[in-house]
Amino acid sequence: MDNHHGGVVLVGEHLYGSGHRSRGWFCLEFKTGKKRWQAPGKGALTYADGKLYCLEEKSTLNLVDVDATKWNATGSFKVPEGGRGPHWAHPVVCDGRLFIRHSETLFAHQLRE
């Protein structure tokens, strides 16, 4: 996983993130570096409430189970354009809301009531 700038998260014994030239979302064993799975895509991610929030550069947000055996996206949606260029800002989950910034626009999505 040759991470570009999208960050990585460590959950338990596994590291999750995306590659740059190697392209893809990855799950690696933290201690050995062994690849557990790879899925298409590239972007920035965060971890909250037992889920990965994976924001693709081309504006799709995937909600992914934390599972070292496979990529399991349980939902996704297209983030509106807030400006020009790729979606590179990290998604943020705080107080039951998902915040996504694109260019100079900030989107807030209610996750729970």
PDB file of N, CA and C in Angstrom:
ATOM      1  N   MET A   1       0.865  -1.169   0.000  1.00  0.00           N
ATOM      2  CA  MET A   1       0.000   0.000   0.000  1.00  0.00           C
ATOM      3  C   MET A   1       0.907   1.227   0.000  1.00  0.00           C
ATOM      4  N   ASP A   2       1.007   1.880  -1.116  1.00  0.00           N
ATOM      5  CA  ASP A   2       1.830   3.089  -1.243  1.00  0.00           C
ATOM      6  C   ASP A   2       0.928   4.312  -1.080  1.00  0.00           C
ATOM      7  N   ASN A   3       0.510   4.562   0.147  1.00  0.00           N
ATOM      8  CA  ASN A   3      -0.472   5.597   0.439  1.00  0.00           C
ATOM      9  C   ASN A   3      -0.045   6.939  -0.137  1.00  0.00           C
ATOM     10  N   HIS A   4      -0.990   7.621  -0.756  1.00  0.00           N
ATOM     11  CA  HIS A   4      -0.736   8.918  -1.391  1.00  0.00           C
ATOM     12  C   HIS A   4      -0.856  10.018  -0.340  1.00  0.00           C
ATOM     13  N   HIS A   5      -2.065  10.311   0.077  1.00  0.00           N
ATOM     14  CA  HIS A   5      -2.287  11.295   1.139  1.00  0.00           C
ATOM     15  C   HIS A   5      -3.605  11.052   1.845  1.00  0.00           C
ATOM     16  N   GLY A   6      -4.232   9.947   1.527  1.00  0.00           N
ATOM     17  CA  GLY A   6      -5.558   9.660   2.078  1.00  0.00           C
ATOM     18  C   GLY A   6      -5.548   9.101   3.480  1.00  0.00           C
ATOM     19  N   GLY A   7      -4.373   8.848   4.044  1.00  0.00           N
ATOM     20  CA  GLY A   7      -4.278   8.348   5.403  1.00  0.00           C
ATOM     21  C   GLY A   7      -4.560   6.857   5.494  1.00  0.00           C
ATOM     22  N   VAL A   8      -4.292   6.336   6.650  1.00  0.00           N
ATOM     23  CA  VAL A   8      -4.568   4.944   6.968  1.00  0.00           C
ATOM     24  C   VAL A   8      -5.140   4.900   8.376  1.00  0.00           C
ATOM     25  N   VAL A   9      -5.862   3.819   8.683  1.00  0.00           N
ATOM     26  CA  VAL A   9      -6.372   3.633  10.037  1.00  0.00           C
ATOM     27  C   VAL A   9      -6.008   2.235  10.507  1.00  0.00           C
ATOM     28  N   LEU A  10      -5.665   2.139  11.766  1.00  0.00           N
ATOM     29  CA  LEU A  10      -5.361   0.866  12.390  1.00  0.00           C
ATOM     30  C   LEU A  10      -6.564   0.485  13.241  1.00  0.00           C
ATOM     31  N   VAL A  11      -7.153  -0.663  12.920  1.00  0.00           N
ATOM     32  CA  VAL A  11      -8.274  -1.186  13.689  1.00  0.00           C
ATOM     33  C   VAL A  11      -7.886  -2.594  14.114  1.00  0.00           C
ATOM     34  N   GLY A  12      -7.696  -2.786  15.388  1.00  0.00           N
ATOM     35  CA  GLY A  12      -7.233  -4.084  15.877  1.00  0.00           C
ATOM     36  C   GLY A  12      -5.852  -4.385  15.331  1.00  0.00           C
ATOM     37  N   GLU A  13      -5.721  -5.525  14.676  1.00  0.00           N
ATOM     38  CA  GLU A  13      -4.435  -5.981  14.117  1.00  0.00           C
ATOM     39  C   GLU A  13      -4.281  -5.655  12.636  1.00  0.00           C
ATOM     40  N   HIS A  14      -5.196  -4.837  12.080  1.00  0.00           N
ATOM     41  CA  HIS A  14      -5.182  -4.599  10.634  1.00  0.00           C
ATOM     42  C   HIS A  14      -5.151  -3.119  10.293  1.00  0.00           C
ATOM     43  N   LEU A  15      -4.460  -2.817   9.208  1.00  0.00           N
ATOM     44  CA  LEU A  15      -4.307  -1.467   8.700  1.00  0.00           C
ATOM     45  C   LEU A  15      -5.154  -1.330   7.432  1.00  0.00           C
ATOM     46  N   TYR A  16      -5.959  -0.281   7.365  1.00  0.00           N
ATOM     47  CA  TYR A  16      -6.828  -0.033   6.215  1.00  0.00           C
ATOM     48  C   TYR A  16      -6.440   1.296   5.583  1.00  0.00           C
ATOM     49  N   GLY A  17      -6.462   1.367   4.266  1.00  0.00           N
ATOM     50  CA  GLY A  17      -6.132   2.600   3.562  1.00  0.00           C
ATOM     51  C   GLY A  17      -6.200   2.384   2.070  1.00  0.00           C
ATOM     52  N   SER A  18      -5.684   3.349   1.318  1.00  0.00           N
ATOM     53  CA  SER A  18      -5.683   3.207  -0.138  1.00  0.00           C
ATOM     54  C   SER A  18      -4.294   3.456  -0.693  1.00  0.00           C
ATOM     55  N   GLY A  19      -4.043   2.874  -1.861  1.00  0.00           N
ATOM     56  CA  GLY A  19      -2.767   3.026  -2.526  1.00  0.00           C
ATOM     57  C   GLY A  19      -2.779   4.174  -3.515  1.00  0.00           C
ATOM     58  N   HIS A  20      -1.603   4.566  -3.954  1.00  0.00           N
ATOM     59  CA  HIS A  20      -1.455   5.637  -4.944  1.00  0.00           C
ATOM     60  C   HIS A  20      -1.248   5.007  -6.320  1.00  0.00           C
ATOM     61  N   ARG A  21      -0.040   4.591  -6.617  1.00  0.00           N
ATOM     62  CA  ARG A  21       0.208   3.934  -7.909  1.00  0.00           C
ATOM     63  C   ARG A  21      -0.338   2.516  -7.939  1.00  0.00           C
ATOM     64  N   SER A  22      -0.391   1.877  -6.789  1.00  0.00           N
ATOM     65  CA  SER A  22      -0.921   0.513  -6.734  1.00  0.00           C
ATOM     66  C   SER A  22      -2.446   0.502  -6.814  1.00  0.00           C
ATOM     67  N   ARG A  23      -3.070   1.650  -6.723  1.00  0.00           N
ATOM     68  CA  ARG A  23      -4.519   1.818  -6.864  1.00  0.00           C
ATOM     69  C   ARG A  23      -5.325   0.765  -6.119  1.00  0.00           C
ATOM     70  N   GLY A  24      -6.148   1.214  -5.241  1.00  0.00           N
ATOM     71  CA  GLY A  24      -7.058   0.314  -4.559  1.00  0.00           C
ATOM     72  C   GLY A  24      -7.146   0.602  -3.077  1.00  0.00           C
ATOM     73  N   TRP A  25      -8.227   0.123  -2.486  1.00  0.00           N
ATOM     74  CA  TRP A  25      -8.385   0.097  -1.042  1.00  0.00           C
ATOM     75  C   TRP A  25      -7.741  -1.193  -0.569  1.00  0.00           C
ATOM     76  N   PHE A  26      -7.048  -1.136   0.562  1.00  0.00           N
ATOM     77  CA  PHE A  26      -6.306  -2.287   1.049  1.00  0.00           C
ATOM     78  C   PHE A  26      -6.613  -2.583   2.507  1.00  0.00           C
ATOM     79  N   CYS A  27      -6.453  -3.843   2.863  1.00  0.00           N
ATOM     80  CA  CYS A  27      -6.385  -4.270   4.248  1.00  0.00           C
ATOM     81  C   CYS A  27      -5.093  -5.061   4.388  1.00  0.00           C
ATOM     82  N   LEU A  28      -4.250  -4.648   5.324  1.00  0.00           N
ATOM     83  CA  LEU A  28      -2.968  -5.316   5.565  1.00  0.00           C
ATOM     84  C   LEU A  28      -2.886  -5.766   7.017  1.00  0.00           C
ATOM     85  N   GLU A  29      -2.195  -6.874   7.241  1.00  0.00           N
ATOM     86  CA  GLU A  29      -1.859  -7.255   8.606  1.00  0.00           C
ATOM     87  C   GLU A  29      -0.808  -6.255   9.093  1.00  0.00           C
ATOM     88  N   PHE A  30      -1.060  -5.628  10.219  1.00  0.00           N
ATOM     89  CA  PHE A  30      -0.181  -4.570  10.686  1.00  0.00           C
ATOM     90  C   PHE A  30       1.235  -5.075  10.979  1.00  0.00           C
ATOM     91  N   LYS A  31       1.359  -6.204  11.637  1.00  0.00           N
ATOM     92  CA  LYS A  31       2.673  -6.688  12.057  1.00  0.00           C
ATOM     93  C   LYS A  31       3.512  -7.242  10.914  1.00  0.00           C
ATOM     94  N   THR A  32       2.871  -7.837   9.901  1.00  0.00           N
ATOM     95  CA  THR A  32       3.625  -8.493   8.827  1.00  0.00           C
ATOM     96  C   THR A  32       3.601  -7.742   7.507  1.00  0.00           C
ATOM     97  N   GLY A  33       2.608  -6.873   7.311  1.00  0.00           N
ATOM     98  CA  GLY A  33       2.448  -6.188   6.033  1.00  0.00           C
ATOM     99  C   GLY A  33       1.754  -7.049   4.984  1.00  0.00           C
ATOM    100  N   LYS A  34       1.350  -8.261   5.350  1.00  0.00           N
ATOM    101  CA  LYS A  34       0.681  -9.160   4.405  1.00  0.00           C
ATOM    102  C   LYS A  34      -0.667  -8.586   3.972  1.00  0.00           C
ATOM    103  N   LYS A  35      -0.889  -8.579   2.652  1.00  0.00           N
ATOM    104  CA  LYS A  35      -2.144  -8.063   2.107  1.00  0.00           C
ATOM    105  C   LYS A  35      -3.251  -9.073   2.357  1.00  0.00           C
ATOM    106  N   ARG A  36      -4.330  -8.611   2.990  1.00  0.00           N
ATOM    107  CA  ARG A  36      -5.485  -9.470   3.228  1.00  0.00           C
ATOM    108  C   ARG A  36      -6.501  -9.338   2.102  1.00  0.00           C
ATOM    109  N   TRP A  37      -6.709  -8.113   1.596  1.00  0.00           N
ATOM    110  CA  TRP A  37      -7.568  -7.903   0.429  1.00  0.00           C
ATOM    111  C   TRP A  37      -7.241  -6.564  -0.213  1.00  0.00           C
ATOM    112  N   GLN A  38      -7.717  -6.443  -1.453  1.00  0.00           N
ATOM    113  CA  GLN A  38      -7.607  -5.204  -2.210  1.00  0.00           C
ATOM    114  C   GLN A  38      -8.901  -5.026  -2.983  1.00  0.00           C
ATOM    115  N   ALA A  39      -9.431  -3.814  -3.011  1.00  0.00           N
ATOM    116  CA  ALA A  39     -10.655  -3.499  -3.741  1.00  0.00           C
ATOM    117  C   ALA A  39     -10.402  -2.269  -4.603  1.00  0.00           C
ATOM    118  N   PRO A  40     -11.145  -2.124  -5.707  1.00  0.00           N
ATOM    119  CA  PRO A  40     -10.952  -0.962  -6.583  1.00  0.00           C
ATOM    120  C   PRO A  40     -11.247   0.360  -5.866  1.00  0.00           C
ATOM    121  N   GLY A  41     -10.525   1.396  -6.246  1.00  0.00           N
ATOM    122  CA  GLY A  41     -10.781   2.726  -5.722  1.00  0.00           C
ATOM    123  C   GLY A  41      -9.530   3.378  -5.176  1.00  0.00           C
ATOM    124  N   LYS A  42      -9.706   4.609  -4.707  1.00  0.00           N
ATOM    125  CA  LYS A  42      -8.609   5.389  -4.137  1.00  0.00           C
ATOM    126  C   LYS A  42      -9.208   6.609  -3.468  1.00  0.00           C
ATOM    127  N   GLY A  43      -8.700   6.954  -2.301  1.00  0.00           N
ATOM    128  CA  GLY A  43      -9.214   8.148  -1.657  1.00  0.00           C
ATOM    129  C   GLY A  43      -8.782   8.284  -0.217  1.00  0.00           C
ATOM    130  N   ALA A  44      -9.620   8.947   0.565  1.00  0.00           N
ATOM    131  CA  ALA A  44      -9.361   9.210   1.977  1.00  0.00           C
ATOM    132  C   ALA A  44     -10.407   8.472   2.804  1.00  0.00           C
ATOM    133  N   LEU A  45     -10.038   8.141   4.040  1.00  0.00           N
ATOM    134  CA  LEU A  45     -10.977   7.396   4.866  1.00  0.00           C
ATOM    135  C   LEU A  45     -10.884   7.803   6.314  1.00  0.00           C
ATOM    136  N   THR A  46     -11.914   7.405   7.054  1.00  0.00           N
ATOM    137  CA  THR A  46     -11.917   7.532   8.502  1.00  0.00           C
ATOM    138  C   THR A  46     -12.634   6.316   9.066  1.00  0.00           C
ATOM    139  N   TYR A  47     -12.512   6.137  10.370  1.00  0.00           N
ATOM    140  CA  TYR A  47     -13.129   5.013  11.058  1.00  0.00           C
ATOM    141  C   TYR A  47     -13.985   5.561  12.192  1.00  0.00           C
ATOM    142  N   ALA A  48     -15.240   5.088  12.286  1.00  0.00           N
ATOM    143  CA  ALA A  48     -16.124   5.494  13.379  1.00  0.00           C
ATOM    144  C   ALA A  48     -17.230   4.464  13.546  1.00  0.00           C
ATOM    145  N   ASP A  49     -17.606   4.232  14.772  1.00  0.00           N
ATOM    146  CA  ASP A  49     -18.737   3.350  15.085  1.00  0.00           C
ATOM    147  C   ASP A  49     -18.638   1.984  14.417  1.00  0.00           C
ATOM    148  N   GLY A  50     -17.422   1.446  14.323  1.00  0.00           N
ATOM    149  CA  GLY A  50     -17.237   0.109  13.765  1.00  0.00           C
ATOM    150  C   GLY A  50     -17.268   0.031  12.258  1.00  0.00           C
ATOM    151  N   LYS A  51     -17.246   1.174  11.579  1.00  0.00           N
ATOM    152  CA  LYS A  51     -17.309   1.203  10.113  1.00  0.00           C
ATOM    153  C   LYS A  51     -16.180   2.055   9.551  1.00  0.00           C
ATOM    154  N   LEU A  52     -15.802   1.751   8.308  1.00  0.00           N
ATOM    155  CA  LEU A  52     -14.893   2.595   7.544  1.00  0.00           C
ATOM    156  C   LEU A  52     -15.723   3.478   6.634  1.00  0.00           C
ATOM    157  N   TYR A  53     -15.413   4.746   6.596  1.00  0.00           N
ATOM    158  CA  TYR A  53     -16.040   5.704   5.691  1.00  0.00           C
ATOM    159  C   TYR A  53     -14.986   6.039   4.639  1.00  0.00           C
ATOM    160  N   CYS A  54     -15.129   5.444   3.457  1.00  0.00           N
ATOM    161  CA  CYS A  54     -14.120   5.545   2.399  1.00  0.00           C
ATOM    162  C   CYS A  54     -14.613   6.495   1.312  1.00  0.00           C
ATOM    163  N   LEU A  55     -13.990   7.648   1.212  1.00  0.00           N
ATOM    164  CA  LEU A  55     -14.377   8.665   0.237  1.00  0.00           C
ATOM    165  C   LEU A  55     -13.478   8.575  -0.980  1.00  0.00           C
ATOM    166  N   GLU A  56     -14.061   8.178  -2.101  1.00  0.00           N
ATOM    167  CA  GLU A  56     -13.334   8.074  -3.370  1.00  0.00           C
ATOM    168  C   GLU A  56     -12.986   9.465  -3.887  1.00  0.00           C
ATOM    169  N   GLU A  57     -11.862   9.573  -4.564  1.00  0.00           N
ATOM    170  CA  GLU A  57     -11.465  10.842  -5.184  1.00  0.00           C
ATOM    171  C   GLU A  57     -12.532  11.374  -6.131  1.00  0.00           C
ATOM    172  N   LYS A  58     -13.275  10.464  -6.747  1.00  0.00           N
ATOM    173  CA  LYS A  58     -14.287  10.869  -7.731  1.00  0.00           C
ATOM    174  C   LYS A  58     -15.669  11.023  -7.110  1.00  0.00           C
ATOM    175  N   SER A  59     -15.745  11.191  -5.789  1.00  0.00           N
ATOM    176  CA  SER A  59     -16.915  11.654  -5.042  1.00  0.00           C
ATOM    177  C   SER A  59     -17.866  10.591  -4.505  1.00  0.00           C
ATOM    178  N   THR A  60     -17.555   9.334  -4.568  1.00  0.00           N
ATOM    179  CA  THR A  60     -18.439   8.325  -3.968  1.00  0.00           C
ATOM    180  C   THR A  60     -17.956   8.022  -2.555  1.00  0.00           C
ATOM    181  N   LEU A  61     -18.895   8.035  -1.605  1.00  0.00           N
ATOM    182  CA  LEU A  61     -18.594   7.661  -0.232  1.00  0.00           C
ATOM    183  C   LEU A  61     -19.114   6.242  -0.027  1.00  0.00           C
ATOM    184  N   ASN A  62     -18.230   5.328   0.389  1.00  0.00           N
ATOM    185  CA  ASN A  62     -18.611   3.946   0.677  1.00  0.00           C
ATOM    186  C   ASN A  62     -18.569   3.716   2.172  1.00  0.00           C
ATOM    187  N   LEU A  63     -19.609   3.102   2.708  1.00  0.00           N
ATOM    188  CA  LEU A  63     -19.628   2.658   4.090  1.00  0.00           C
ATOM    189  C   LEU A  63     -19.230   1.190   4.072  1.00  0.00           C
ATOM    190  N   VAL A  64     -18.131   0.839   4.756  1.00  0.00           N
ATOM    191  CA  VAL A  64     -17.526  -0.480   4.620  1.00  0.00           C
ATOM    192  C   VAL A  64     -17.386  -1.136   5.992  1.00  0.00           C
ATOM    193  N   ASP A  65     -17.783  -2.406   6.058  1.00  0.00           N
ATOM    194  CA  ASP A  65     -17.571  -3.172   7.288  1.00  0.00           C
ATOM    195  C   ASP A  65     -16.082  -3.329   7.550  1.00  0.00           C
ATOM    196  N   VAL A  66     -15.697  -3.287   8.815  1.00  0.00           N
ATOM    197  CA  VAL A  66     -14.317  -3.589   9.181  1.00  0.00           C
ATOM    198  C   VAL A  66     -14.222  -5.113   9.210  1.00  0.00           C
ATOM    199  N   ASP A  67     -13.612  -5.674   8.182  1.00  0.00           N
ATOM    200  CA  ASP A  67     -13.540  -7.122   8.001  1.00  0.00           C
ATOM    201  C   ASP A  67     -12.222  -7.439   7.306  1.00  0.00           C
ATOM    202  N   ALA A  68     -11.348  -8.157   8.000  1.00  0.00           N
ATOM    203  CA  ALA A  68     -10.027  -8.452   7.443  1.00  0.00           C
ATOM    204  C   ALA A  68     -10.076  -9.529   6.370  1.00  0.00           C
ATOM    205  N   THR A  69     -11.224 -10.142   6.148  1.00  0.00           N
ATOM    206  CA  THR A  69     -11.302 -11.212   5.149  1.00  0.00           C
ATOM    207  C   THR A  69     -11.801 -10.737   3.796  1.00  0.00           C
ATOM    208  N   LYS A  70     -12.517  -9.580   3.759  1.00  0.00           N
ATOM    209  CA  LYS A  70     -13.063  -9.106   2.485  1.00  0.00           C
ATOM    210  C   LYS A  70     -13.523  -7.652   2.585  1.00  0.00           C
ATOM    211  N   TRP A  71     -13.572  -6.997   1.425  1.00  0.00           N
ATOM    212  CA  TRP A  71     -14.185  -5.665   1.286  1.00  0.00           C
ATOM    213  C   TRP A  71     -15.687  -5.898   1.257  1.00  0.00           C
ATOM    214  N   ASN A  72     -16.410  -5.274   2.174  1.00  0.00           N
ATOM    215  CA  ASN A  72     -17.857  -5.429   2.205  1.00  0.00           C
ATOM    216  C   ASN A  72     -18.500  -4.058   2.383  1.00  0.00           C
ATOM    217  N   ALA A  73     -18.784  -3.409   1.255  1.00  0.00           N
ATOM    218  CA  ALA A  73     -19.451  -2.108   1.280  1.00  0.00           C
ATOM    219  C   ALA A  73     -20.937  -2.345   1.518  1.00  0.00           C
ATOM    220  N   THR A  74     -21.467  -1.762   2.592  1.00  0.00           N
ATOM    221  CA  THR A  74     -22.879  -1.948   2.930  1.00  0.00           C
ATOM    222  C   THR A  74     -23.756  -0.812   2.420  1.00  0.00           C
ATOM    223  N   GLY A  75     -23.134   0.216   1.868  1.00  0.00           N
ATOM    224  CA  GLY A  75     -23.876   1.333   1.304  1.00  0.00           C
ATOM    225  C   GLY A  75     -22.926   2.329   0.668  1.00  0.00           C
ATOM    226  N   SER A  76     -23.487   3.175  -0.183  1.00  0.00           N
ATOM    227  CA  SER A  76     -22.682   4.217  -0.818  1.00  0.00           C
ATOM    228  C   SER A  76     -23.598   5.310  -1.337  1.00  0.00           C
ATOM    229  N   PHE A  77     -23.027   6.485  -1.532  1.00  0.00           N
ATOM    230  CA  PHE A  77     -23.755   7.574  -2.180  1.00  0.00           C
ATOM    231  C   PHE A  77     -22.755   8.508  -2.831  1.00  0.00           C
ATOM    232  N   LYS A  78     -23.251   9.254  -3.797  1.00  0.00           N
ATOM    233  CA  LYS A  78     -22.441  10.229  -4.522  1.00  0.00           C
ATOM    234  C   LYS A  78     -22.485  11.551  -3.760  1.00  0.00           C
ATOM    235  N   VAL A  79     -21.322  12.088  -3.447  1.00  0.00           N
ATOM    236  CA  VAL A  79     -21.224  13.378  -2.771  1.00  0.00           C
ATOM    237  C   VAL A  79     -21.367  14.471  -3.820  1.00  0.00           C
ATOM    238  N   PRO A  80     -22.217  15.475  -3.590  1.00  0.00           N
ATOM    239  CA  PRO A  80     -22.361  16.564  -4.563  1.00  0.00           C
ATOM    240  C   PRO A  80     -21.038  17.296  -4.776  1.00  0.00           C
ATOM    241  N   GLU A  81     -20.896  17.909  -5.908  1.00  0.00           N
ATOM    242  CA  GLU A  81     -19.712  18.713  -6.192  1.00  0.00           C
ATOM    243  C   GLU A  81     -19.799  20.012  -5.387  1.00  0.00           C
ATOM    244  N   GLY A  82     -18.691  20.328  -4.721  1.00  0.00           N
ATOM    245  CA  GLY A  82     -18.633  21.571  -3.963  1.00  0.00           C
ATOM    246  C   GLY A  82     -17.614  22.528  -4.544  1.00  0.00           C
ATOM    247  N   GLY A  83     -17.059  22.122  -5.667  1.00  0.00           N
ATOM    248  CA  GLY A  83     -16.021  22.912  -6.317  1.00  0.00           C
ATOM    249  C   GLY A  83     -15.398  22.070  -7.405  1.00  0.00           C
ATOM    250  N   ARG A  84     -14.171  22.372  -7.735  1.00  0.00           N
ATOM    251  CA  ARG A  84     -13.470  21.637  -8.787  1.00  0.00           C
ATOM    252  C   ARG A  84     -12.427  20.714  -8.183  1.00  0.00           C
ATOM    253  N   GLY A  85     -12.050  19.707  -8.943  1.00  0.00           N
ATOM    254  CA  GLY A  85     -10.977  18.830  -8.538  1.00  0.00           C
ATOM    255  C   GLY A  85     -11.427  17.604  -7.772  1.00  0.00           C
ATOM    256  N   PRO A  86     -10.459  16.738  -7.465  1.00  0.00           N
ATOM    257  CA  PRO A  86     -10.777  15.502  -6.753  1.00  0.00           C
ATOM    258  C   PRO A  86     -11.228  15.766  -5.313  1.00  0.00           C
ATOM    259  N   HIS A  87     -11.920  14.806  -4.762  1.00  0.00           N
ATOM    260  CA  HIS A  87     -12.332  14.847  -3.353  1.00  0.00           C
ATOM    261  C   HIS A  87     -11.189  14.254  -2.535  1.00  0.00           C
ATOM    262  N   TRP A  88     -10.395  15.105  -1.913  1.00  0.00           N
ATOM    263  CA  TRP A  88      -9.221  14.653  -1.176  1.00  0.00           C
ATOM    264  C   TRP A  88      -9.325  14.864   0.324  1.00  0.00           C
ATOM    265  N   ALA A  89     -10.238  15.691   0.774  1.00  0.00           N
ATOM    266  CA  ALA A  89     -10.342  15.951   2.217  1.00  0.00           C
ATOM    267  C   ALA A  89     -10.861  14.703   2.935  1.00  0.00           C
ATOM    268  N   HIS A  90     -10.358  14.470   4.127  1.00  0.00           N
ATOM    269  CA  HIS A  90     -10.793  13.315   4.910  1.00  0.00           C
ATOM    270  C   HIS A  90     -12.221  13.505   5.400  1.00  0.00           C
ATOM    271  N   PRO A  91     -13.057  12.463   5.280  1.00  0.00           N
ATOM    272  CA  PRO A  91     -14.383  12.544   5.897  1.00  0.00           C
ATOM    273  C   PRO A  91     -14.206  12.549   7.421  1.00  0.00           C
ATOM    274  N   VAL A  92     -15.133  13.191   8.115  1.00  0.00           N
ATOM    275  CA  VAL A  92     -15.079  13.287   9.573  1.00  0.00           C
ATOM    276  C   VAL A  92     -16.437  12.884  10.136  1.00  0.00           C
ATOM    277  N   VAL A  93     -16.427  12.045  11.164  1.00  0.00           N
ATOM    278  CA  VAL A  93     -17.649  11.675  11.869  1.00  0.00           C
ATOM    279  C   VAL A  93     -17.548  12.243  13.281  1.00  0.00           C
ATOM    280  N   CYS A  94     -18.563  13.028  13.659  1.00  0.00           N
ATOM    281  CA  CYS A  94     -18.576  13.654  14.975  1.00  0.00           C
ATOM    282  C   CYS A  94     -20.018  13.836  15.436  1.00  0.00           C
ATOM    283  N   ASP A  95     -20.326  13.368  16.630  1.00  0.00           N
ATOM    284  CA  ASP A  95     -21.637  13.588  17.255  1.00  0.00           C
ATOM    285  C   ASP A  95     -22.800  13.169  16.345  1.00  0.00           C
ATOM    286  N   GLY A  96     -22.658  12.014  15.709  1.00  0.00           N
ATOM    287  CA  GLY A  96     -23.749  11.485  14.891  1.00  0.00           C
ATOM    288  C   GLY A  96     -23.890  12.116  13.521  1.00  0.00           C
ATOM    289  N   ARG A  97     -22.885  12.876  13.100  1.00  0.00           N
ATOM    290  CA  ARG A  97     -22.927  13.508  11.777  1.00  0.00           C
ATOM    291  C   ARG A  97     -21.675  13.155  10.989  1.00  0.00           C
ATOM    292  N   LEU A  98     -21.841  13.048   9.684  1.00  0.00           N
ATOM    293  CA  LEU A  98     -20.734  12.835   8.757  1.00  0.00           C
ATOM    294  C   LEU A  98     -20.487  14.151   8.038  1.00  0.00           C
ATOM    295  N   PHE A  99     -19.250  14.641   8.106  1.00  0.00           N
ATOM    296  CA  PHE A  99     -18.874  15.885   7.435  1.00  0.00           C
ATOM    297  C   PHE A  99     -17.926  15.556   6.291  1.00  0.00           C
ATOM    298  N   ILE A 100     -18.245  16.114   5.125  1.00  0.00           N
ATOM    299  CA  ILE A 100     -17.416  15.925   3.937  1.00  0.00           C
ATOM    300  C   ILE A 100     -17.193  17.288   3.298  1.00  0.00           C
ATOM    301  N   ARG A 101     -15.913  17.630   3.094  1.00  0.00           N
ATOM    302  CA  ARG A 101     -15.590  18.910   2.457  1.00  0.00           C
ATOM    303  C   ARG A 101     -15.109  18.653   1.038  1.00  0.00           C
ATOM    304  N   HIS A 102     -15.593  19.469   0.120  1.00  0.00           N
ATOM    305  CA  HIS A 102     -15.060  19.473  -1.240  1.00  0.00           C
ATOM    306  C   HIS A 102     -14.835  20.922  -1.621  1.00  0.00           C
ATOM    307  N   SER A 103     -13.585  21.256  -1.899  1.00  0.00           N
ATOM    308  CA  SER A 103     -13.199  22.622  -2.209  1.00  0.00           C
ATOM    309  C   SER A 103     -13.600  23.519  -1.032  1.00  0.00           C
ATOM    310  N   GLU A 104     -14.445  24.496  -1.254  1.00  0.00           N
ATOM    311  CA  GLU A 104     -14.838  25.407  -0.181  1.00  0.00           C
ATOM    312  C   GLU A 104     -16.224  25.114   0.375  1.00  0.00           C
ATOM    313  N   THR A 105     -16.784  23.943   0.049  1.00  0.00           N
ATOM    314  CA  THR A 105     -18.125  23.587   0.492  1.00  0.00           C
ATOM    315  C   THR A 105     -18.051  22.446   1.504  1.00  0.00           C
ATOM    316  N   LEU A 106     -18.790  22.572   2.602  1.00  0.00           N
ATOM    317  CA  LEU A 106     -18.852  21.535   3.615  1.00  0.00           C
ATOM    318  C   LEU A 106     -20.258  20.944   3.625  1.00  0.00           C
ATOM    319  N   PHE A 107     -20.331  19.631   3.484  1.00  0.00           N
ATOM    320  CA  PHE A 107     -21.600  18.910   3.520  1.00  0.00           C
ATOM    321  C   PHE A 107     -21.708  18.196   4.872  1.00  0.00           C
ATOM    322  N   ALA A 108     -22.899  18.191   5.459  1.00  0.00           N
ATOM    323  CA  ALA A 108     -23.147  17.484   6.715  1.00  0.00           C
ATOM    324  C   ALA A 108     -24.306  16.525   6.505  1.00  0.00           C
ATOM    325  N   HIS A 109     -24.094  15.281   6.932  1.00  0.00           N
ATOM    326  CA  HIS A 109     -25.112  14.237   6.786  1.00  0.00           C
ATOM    327  C   HIS A 109     -25.409  13.668   8.160  1.00  0.00           C
ATOM    328  N   GLN A 110     -26.691  13.630   8.521  1.00  0.00           N
ATOM    329  CA  GLN A 110     -27.109  13.080   9.798  1.00  0.00           C
ATOM    330  C   GLN A 110     -26.995  11.559   9.747  1.00  0.00           C
ATOM    331  N   LEU A 111     -26.251  10.944  10.677  1.00  0.00           N
ATOM    332  CA  LEU A 111     -26.092   9.503  10.705  1.00  0.00           C
ATOM    333  C   LEU A 111     -27.062   8.825  11.665  1.00  0.00           C
ATOM    334  N   ARG A 112     -27.433   9.518  12.707  1.00  0.00           N
ATOM    335  CA  ARG A 112     -28.390   8.951  13.664  1.00  0.00           C
ATOM    336  C   ARG A 112     -29.251  10.070  14.238  1.00  0.00           C
ATOM    337  N   GLU A 113     -30.384   9.653  14.756  1.00  0.00           N
ATOM    338  CA  GLU A 113     -31.307  10.646  15.316  1.00  0.00           C
ATOM    339  C   GLU A 113     -31.057  10.873  16.776  1.00  0.00           C
TER     340      GLU A 113
END
